[in-house]
Amino acid sequence: MEYKIDERTITLMISGELDHHTLRDTSRELGQIIDIYLPKKLIFDMRAVRFMDSSGIALIIKAIRRMTELSGEVVLRNVPPSPMKIFAMAGISRYVTVEEGGKAV
């Protein structure tokens, strides 16, 4: 996972597979990044995600909980169709902003 910081916004570039095999390391790294930088906005840029199972929902929920503690927000950006179906079934758009190309959908 790569990330960039712009003032109090962190953009995480998620790539590859987001499943139960990768969740522990990704979740730990995400927690460390949030704790270090205390962002007001956390953006998951998911354009390079090839596969995601329900572990992706768990990661986003963890991020939502932590960002709520910081009075911040979570944004999902450029989500491929397959992960978007999983997020839609979970109703995740009730808790985050979903963007395509930087615009809310």
Protein backbone atom coordinates (compact mmCIF):
# COMPACT_ATOMS: atom_id res chain seq x y z
CA MET A 1 0.00 0.00 0.00
CA GLU A 2 1.35 3.36 -0.98
CA TYR A 3 0.12 6.67 0.37
CA LYS A 4 0.53 10.39 -0.06
CA ILE A 5 -0.20 13.18 2.35
CA ASP A 6 -1.54 16.61 1.48
CA GLU A 7 -2.06 18.69 4.63
CA ARG A 8 -4.62 16.69 6.69
CA THR A 9 -5.66 14.40 3.82
CA ILE A 10 -4.16 10.96 3.29
CA THR A 11 -4.68 9.17 -0.01
CA LEU A 12 -4.03 5.43 0.12
CA MET A 13 -3.34 3.71 -3.18
CA ILE A 14 -4.64 0.17 -2.71
CA SER A 15 -3.58 -2.40 -5.28
CA GLY A 16 -3.68 -6.11 -5.94
CA GLU A 17 -5.88 -8.32 -3.80
CA LEU A 18 -7.70 -7.23 -0.68
CA ASP A 19 -8.65 -10.46 1.08
CA HIS A 20 -8.19 -12.31 4.35
CA HIS A 21 -4.57 -13.11 3.43
CA THR A 22 -3.58 -9.45 3.08
CA LEU A 23 -5.96 -7.88 5.61
CA ARG A 24 -3.79 -8.18 8.73
CA ASP A 25 -0.77 -6.37 7.26
CA THR A 26 -2.89 -3.79 5.43
CA SER A 27 -4.99 -3.11 8.53
CA ARG A 28 -1.92 -2.74 10.76
CA GLU A 29 -0.24 -0.39 8.28
CA LEU A 30 -3.43 1.66 7.92
CA GLY A 31 -3.74 2.01 11.70
CA GLN A 32 -0.15 3.21 11.97
CA ILE A 33 -0.60 5.78 9.20
CA ILE A 34 -3.75 7.18 10.81
CA ASP A 35 -2.15 7.30 14.26
CA ILE A 36 0.93 9.11 12.99
CA TYR A 37 -0.75 11.74 10.77
CA LEU A 38 -4.21 12.13 12.40
CA PRO A 39 -5.90 13.04 9.10
CA LYS A 40 -9.24 14.78 8.66
CA LYS A 41 -9.85 12.97 5.38
CA LEU A 42 -8.83 9.45 4.39
CA ILE A 43 -9.15 8.54 0.72
CA PHE A 44 -8.92 4.95 -0.50
CA ASP A 45 -7.95 5.05 -4.19
CA MET A 46 -8.88 1.57 -5.31
CA ARG A 47 -8.33 1.78 -9.07
CA ALA A 48 -5.66 -0.97 -8.96
CA VAL A 49 -7.60 -3.49 -6.84
CA ARG A 50 -7.91 -6.73 -8.82
CA PHE A 51 -9.87 -8.72 -6.22
CA MET A 52 -11.67 -7.99 -2.95
CA ASP A 53 -13.71 -10.14 -0.61
CA SER A 54 -15.58 -9.20 2.57
CA SER A 55 -12.25 -8.43 4.24
CA GLY A 56 -12.28 -5.18 2.27
CA ILE A 57 -15.49 -4.21 4.06
CA ALA A 58 -13.83 -4.95 7.41
CA LEU A 59 -10.91 -2.68 6.49
CA ILE A 60 -13.21 0.18 5.51
CA ILE A 61 -15.31 -0.22 8.67
CA LYS A 62 -12.16 -0.08 10.79
CA ALA A 63 -11.14 3.09 8.97
CA ILE A 64 -14.61 4.62 9.43
CA ARG A 65 -14.52 3.93 13.17
CA ARG A 66 -11.07 5.45 13.60
CA MET A 67 -11.83 8.47 11.43
CA THR A 68 -15.07 9.05 13.36
CA GLU A 69 -12.96 9.25 16.53
CA LEU A 70 -10.91 11.95 14.80
CA SER A 71 -14.03 13.74 13.46
CA GLY A 72 -12.80 12.90 9.97
CA GLU A 73 -14.26 11.36 6.84
CA VAL A 74 -13.56 8.40 4.58
CA VAL A 75 -13.77 8.51 0.79
CA LEU A 76 -13.71 5.57 -1.63
CA ARG A 77 -12.35 6.64 -4.99
CA ASN A 78 -12.19 4.84 -8.35
CA VAL A 79 -13.64 1.57 -7.07
CA PRO A 80 -13.68 -1.16 -9.76
CA PRO A 81 -17.05 -2.80 -10.54
CA SER A 82 -16.51 -6.05 -8.63
CA PRO A 83 -15.50 -4.44 -5.29
CA MET A 84 -18.24 -1.83 -5.83
CA LYS A 85 -20.84 -4.62 -5.89
CA ILE A 86 -19.57 -5.86 -2.52
CA PHE A 87 -19.65 -2.34 -1.06
CA ALA A 88 -23.15 -1.78 -2.46
CA MET A 89 -24.48 -4.99 -0.91
CA ALA A 90 -23.03 -3.91 2.44
CA GLY A 91 -24.57 -0.43 2.13
CA ILE A 92 -21.18 1.18 2.72
CA SER A 93 -22.20 4.34 0.83
CA ARG A 94 -24.30 5.32 3.84
CA TYR A 95 -21.07 5.87 5.77
CA VAL A 96 -18.56 7.07 3.19
CA THR A 97 -18.41 9.25 0.10
CA VAL A 98 -17.91 7.28 -3.11
CA GLU A 99 -16.10 9.13 -5.90
CA GLU A 100 -15.30 8.35 -9.49
CA GLY A 101 -12.53 10.46 -10.98
CA GLY A 102 -12.64 12.83 -8.01
CA LYS A 103 -16.41 13.46 -8.23
CA ALA A 104 -19.03 12.02 -5.87
CA VAL A 105 -21.36 9.45 -7.42
